[in-house]
Amino acid sequence: MKVKTILDVISQPFGTARLLSAHSTLRRAKDAGLTYEQICTVFPDAAKYSPPQLEGFILIGEDLVAGDTHFDGCLMPDAKGGC
């Protein structure tokens, strides 16, 4: 899985940048007190997602960026806990 993740990043570098940019932008909008409707007006692509979906993206993103959450990319660890 880790190799697949590395290949995803290499083959889609703009995707990684978009994830970070979207998280940062939405978090700043939330911190500024914008409502869901206001966020959707300013960022029309956000309207595809429900308020709980956007909130979940922001919350998970905050933990990932802070290093509080880590998905090691291993679906089925071996007996030693590795992939």
N, C-alpha and C. Protein backbone atom coordinates (compact mmCIF):
# COMPACT_ATOMS: atom_id res chain seq x y z
N MET A 1 0.81 -1.19 0.00
CA MET A 1 0.00 0.00 0.00
C MET A 1 0.86 1.26 0.00
N LYS A 2 1.98 1.24 0.71
CA LYS A 2 2.82 2.43 0.78
C LYS A 2 3.39 2.77 -0.59
N VAL A 3 3.76 1.75 -1.36
CA VAL A 3 4.26 1.98 -2.71
C VAL A 3 3.17 2.60 -3.56
N LYS A 4 1.95 2.12 -3.43
CA LYS A 4 0.81 2.68 -4.18
C LYS A 4 0.61 4.14 -3.81
N THR A 5 0.72 4.46 -2.53
CA THR A 5 0.57 5.85 -2.08
C THR A 5 1.65 6.73 -2.69
N ILE A 6 2.88 6.26 -2.68
CA ILE A 6 3.98 7.02 -3.28
C ILE A 6 3.74 7.22 -4.77
N LEU A 7 3.30 6.17 -5.46
CA LEU A 7 3.01 6.29 -6.89
C LEU A 7 1.87 7.27 -7.15
N ASP A 8 0.85 7.28 -6.27
CA ASP A 8 -0.24 8.24 -6.42
C ASP A 8 0.27 9.67 -6.32
N VAL A 9 1.14 9.93 -5.35
CA VAL A 9 1.68 11.28 -5.16
C VAL A 9 2.53 11.68 -6.35
N ILE A 10 3.36 10.76 -6.84
CA ILE A 10 4.23 11.06 -7.97
C ILE A 10 3.41 11.28 -9.24
N SER A 11 2.40 10.45 -9.46
CA SER A 11 1.62 10.55 -10.70
C SER A 11 0.60 11.68 -10.66
N GLN A 12 0.25 12.15 -9.47
CA GLN A 12 -0.76 13.21 -9.36
C GLN A 12 -0.32 14.29 -8.37
N PRO A 13 0.81 14.95 -8.63
CA PRO A 13 1.31 15.93 -7.66
C PRO A 13 0.34 17.08 -7.41
N PHE A 14 -0.43 17.45 -8.42
CA PHE A 14 -1.38 18.55 -8.22
C PHE A 14 -2.52 18.14 -7.31
N GLY A 15 -2.84 16.84 -7.27
CA GLY A 15 -3.88 16.36 -6.36
C GLY A 15 -3.49 16.59 -4.91
N THR A 16 -2.24 16.32 -4.59
CA THR A 16 -1.74 16.54 -3.24
C THR A 16 -1.82 18.02 -2.89
N ALA A 17 -1.39 18.86 -3.81
CA ALA A 17 -1.44 20.31 -3.58
C ALA A 17 -2.88 20.79 -3.43
N ARG A 18 -3.79 20.24 -4.22
CA ARG A 18 -5.20 20.64 -4.12
C ARG A 18 -5.80 20.24 -2.79
N LEU A 19 -5.43 19.06 -2.29
CA LEU A 19 -5.93 18.63 -0.98
C LEU A 19 -5.52 19.62 0.11
N LEU A 20 -4.24 19.96 0.13
CA LEU A 20 -3.75 20.89 1.14
C LEU A 20 -4.37 22.27 0.97
N SER A 21 -4.47 22.72 -0.26
CA SER A 21 -5.05 24.03 -0.52
C SER A 21 -6.52 24.09 -0.11
N ALA A 22 -7.27 23.06 -0.47
CA ALA A 22 -8.70 23.02 -0.12
C ALA A 22 -8.89 22.99 1.38
N HIS A 23 -8.11 22.16 2.05
CA HIS A 23 -8.24 22.09 3.51
C HIS A 23 -7.93 23.44 4.14
N SER A 24 -6.83 24.04 3.75
CA SER A 24 -6.43 25.32 4.31
C SER A 24 -7.47 26.41 4.05
N THR A 25 -7.98 26.45 2.83
CA THR A 25 -8.98 27.45 2.46
C THR A 25 -10.28 27.27 3.23
N LEU A 26 -10.77 26.03 3.29
CA LEU A 26 -12.03 25.78 4.00
C LEU A 26 -11.88 26.01 5.50
N ARG A 27 -10.73 25.66 6.06
CA ARG A 27 -10.52 25.89 7.49
C ARG A 27 -10.50 27.39 7.79
N ARG A 28 -9.85 28.16 6.94
CA ARG A 28 -9.83 29.62 7.15
C ARG A 28 -11.23 30.20 7.01
N ALA A 29 -12.01 29.70 6.06
CA ALA A 29 -13.39 30.18 5.90
C ALA A 29 -14.21 29.86 7.14
N LYS A 30 -14.05 28.66 7.66
CA LYS A 30 -14.77 28.26 8.87
C LYS A 30 -14.32 29.12 10.05
N ASP A 31 -13.01 29.31 10.20
CA ASP A 31 -12.47 30.13 11.29
C ASP A 31 -12.95 31.57 11.21
N ALA A 32 -13.21 32.05 9.99
CA ALA A 32 -13.70 33.42 9.79
C ALA A 32 -15.19 33.53 10.07
N GLY A 33 -15.84 32.39 10.33
CA GLY A 33 -17.26 32.41 10.68
C GLY A 33 -18.21 32.31 9.51
N LEU A 34 -17.71 31.93 8.33
CA LEU A 34 -18.60 31.78 7.19
C LEU A 34 -19.54 30.60 7.41
N THR A 35 -20.78 30.76 7.00
CA THR A 35 -21.75 29.67 7.08
C THR A 35 -21.54 28.74 5.88
N TYR A 36 -22.20 27.59 5.93
CA TYR A 36 -22.14 26.65 4.82
C TYR A 36 -22.60 27.33 3.53
N GLU A 37 -23.69 28.07 3.59
CA GLU A 37 -24.22 28.74 2.41
C GLU A 37 -23.23 29.76 1.86
N GLN A 38 -22.57 30.49 2.75
CA GLN A 38 -21.59 31.48 2.31
C GLN A 38 -20.38 30.79 1.67
N ILE A 39 -19.94 29.70 2.27
CA ILE A 39 -18.82 28.95 1.70
C ILE A 39 -19.18 28.47 0.30
N CYS A 40 -20.40 27.98 0.11
CA CYS A 40 -20.84 27.49 -1.20
C CYS A 40 -20.96 28.62 -2.22
N THR A 41 -21.28 29.82 -1.75
CA THR A 41 -21.35 30.97 -2.65
C THR A 41 -19.96 31.37 -3.11
N VAL A 42 -19.02 31.40 -2.18
CA VAL A 42 -17.65 31.79 -2.50
C VAL A 42 -16.93 30.69 -3.27
N PHE A 43 -17.17 29.45 -2.90
CA PHE A 43 -16.52 28.29 -3.52
C PHE A 43 -17.60 27.34 -4.04
N PRO A 44 -18.11 27.56 -5.27
CA PRO A 44 -19.24 26.78 -5.79
C PRO A 44 -19.04 25.27 -5.77
N ASP A 45 -17.81 24.79 -5.91
CA ASP A 45 -17.58 23.34 -5.86
C ASP A 45 -17.96 22.74 -4.51
N ALA A 46 -17.96 23.54 -3.47
CA ALA A 46 -18.32 23.05 -2.13
C ALA A 46 -19.78 22.63 -2.06
N ALA A 47 -20.62 23.16 -2.95
CA ALA A 47 -22.05 22.86 -2.91
C ALA A 47 -22.34 21.38 -3.22
N LYS A 48 -21.37 20.67 -3.78
CA LYS A 48 -21.55 19.23 -4.05
C LYS A 48 -21.61 18.42 -2.77
N TYR A 49 -21.15 19.02 -1.68
CA TYR A 49 -21.01 18.29 -0.42
C TYR A 49 -21.95 18.86 0.63
N SER A 50 -22.42 18.00 1.50
CA SER A 50 -23.30 18.43 2.58
C SER A 50 -22.46 19.11 3.67
N PRO A 51 -23.12 19.88 4.55
CA PRO A 51 -22.38 20.49 5.66
C PRO A 51 -21.59 19.46 6.49
N PRO A 52 -22.18 18.29 6.83
CA PRO A 52 -21.38 17.32 7.60
C PRO A 52 -20.16 16.79 6.83
N GLN A 53 -20.30 16.66 5.50
CA GLN A 53 -19.16 16.20 4.71
C GLN A 53 -18.02 17.22 4.73
N LEU A 54 -18.36 18.50 4.56
CA LEU A 54 -17.33 19.53 4.60
C LEU A 54 -16.70 19.61 5.98
N GLU A 55 -17.53 19.54 7.01
CA GLU A 55 -17.02 19.59 8.38
C GLU A 55 -16.08 18.41 8.64
N GLY A 56 -16.45 17.23 8.17
CA GLY A 56 -15.60 16.05 8.33
C GLY A 56 -14.26 16.20 7.63
N PHE A 57 -14.29 16.75 6.42
CA PHE A 57 -13.06 16.98 5.68
C PHE A 57 -12.15 17.94 6.44
N ILE A 58 -12.74 19.00 6.98
CA ILE A 58 -11.96 19.98 7.73
C ILE A 58 -11.39 19.35 9.00
N LEU A 59 -12.20 18.61 9.73
CA LEU A 59 -11.74 18.00 10.98
C LEU A 59 -10.65 16.96 10.75
N ILE A 60 -10.85 16.07 9.78
CA ILE A 60 -9.83 15.07 9.49
C ILE A 60 -8.56 15.75 8.99
N GLY A 61 -8.73 16.74 8.12
CA GLY A 61 -7.57 17.47 7.61
C GLY A 61 -6.78 18.15 8.71
N GLU A 62 -7.47 18.75 9.69
CA GLU A 62 -6.78 19.40 10.81
C GLU A 62 -5.91 18.40 11.55
N ASP A 63 -6.46 17.22 11.83
CA ASP A 63 -5.69 16.20 12.55
C ASP A 63 -4.53 15.67 11.72
N LEU A 64 -4.74 15.48 10.43
CA LEU A 64 -3.66 15.00 9.57
C LEU A 64 -2.53 16.02 9.49
N VAL A 65 -2.88 17.28 9.28
CA VAL A 65 -1.87 18.33 9.17
C VAL A 65 -1.11 18.48 10.48
N ALA A 66 -1.82 18.37 11.61
CA ALA A 66 -1.18 18.51 12.92
C ALA A 66 -0.38 17.27 13.31
N GLY A 67 -0.57 16.18 12.58
CA GLY A 67 0.13 14.94 12.91
C GLY A 67 -0.55 14.14 14.00
N ASP A 68 -1.80 14.50 14.34
CA ASP A 68 -2.54 13.79 15.38
C ASP A 68 -3.22 12.53 14.87
N THR A 69 -3.33 12.40 13.56
CA THR A 69 -3.94 11.22 12.94
C THR A 69 -3.00 10.72 11.86
N HIS A 70 -2.89 9.40 11.77
CA HIS A 70 -2.00 8.81 10.77
C HIS A 70 -2.64 7.53 10.24
N PHE A 71 -2.79 7.47 8.93
CA PHE A 71 -3.25 6.25 8.28
C PHE A 71 -2.02 5.66 7.60
N ASP A 72 -1.51 4.57 8.13
CA ASP A 72 -0.22 4.07 7.65
C ASP A 72 -0.26 3.40 6.29
N GLY A 73 -1.42 3.30 5.69
CA GLY A 73 -1.52 2.74 4.35
C GLY A 73 -1.45 1.23 4.31
N CYS A 74 -1.60 0.61 5.45
CA CYS A 74 -1.52 -0.85 5.53
C CYS A 74 -2.89 -1.41 5.89
N LEU A 75 -3.49 -2.10 4.95
CA LEU A 75 -4.82 -2.65 5.18
C LEU A 75 -4.77 -3.89 6.07
N MET A 76 -3.76 -4.72 5.87
CA MET A 76 -3.64 -5.96 6.64
C MET A 76 -2.22 -6.10 7.16
N PRO A 77 -1.94 -5.60 8.37
CA PRO A 77 -0.58 -5.70 8.92
C PRO A 77 -0.17 -7.16 9.12
N ASP A 78 1.12 -7.40 9.00
CA ASP A 78 1.62 -8.75 9.25
C ASP A 78 1.75 -8.98 10.76
N ALA A 79 2.24 -10.14 11.15
CA ALA A 79 2.33 -10.51 12.56
C ALA A 79 3.21 -9.56 13.37
N LYS A 80 4.16 -8.91 12.71
CA LYS A 80 5.07 -7.98 13.39
C LYS A 80 4.50 -6.56 13.44
N GLY A 81 3.33 -6.36 12.87
CA GLY A 81 2.72 -5.03 12.85
C GLY A 81 3.12 -4.20 11.65
N GLY A 82 3.90 -4.76 10.75
CA GLY A 82 4.31 -4.04 9.54
C GLY A 82 3.41 -4.39 8.37
N CYS A 83 3.73 -3.84 7.21
CA CYS A 83 2.94 -4.11 6.00
C CYS A 83 3.59 -5.17 5.16
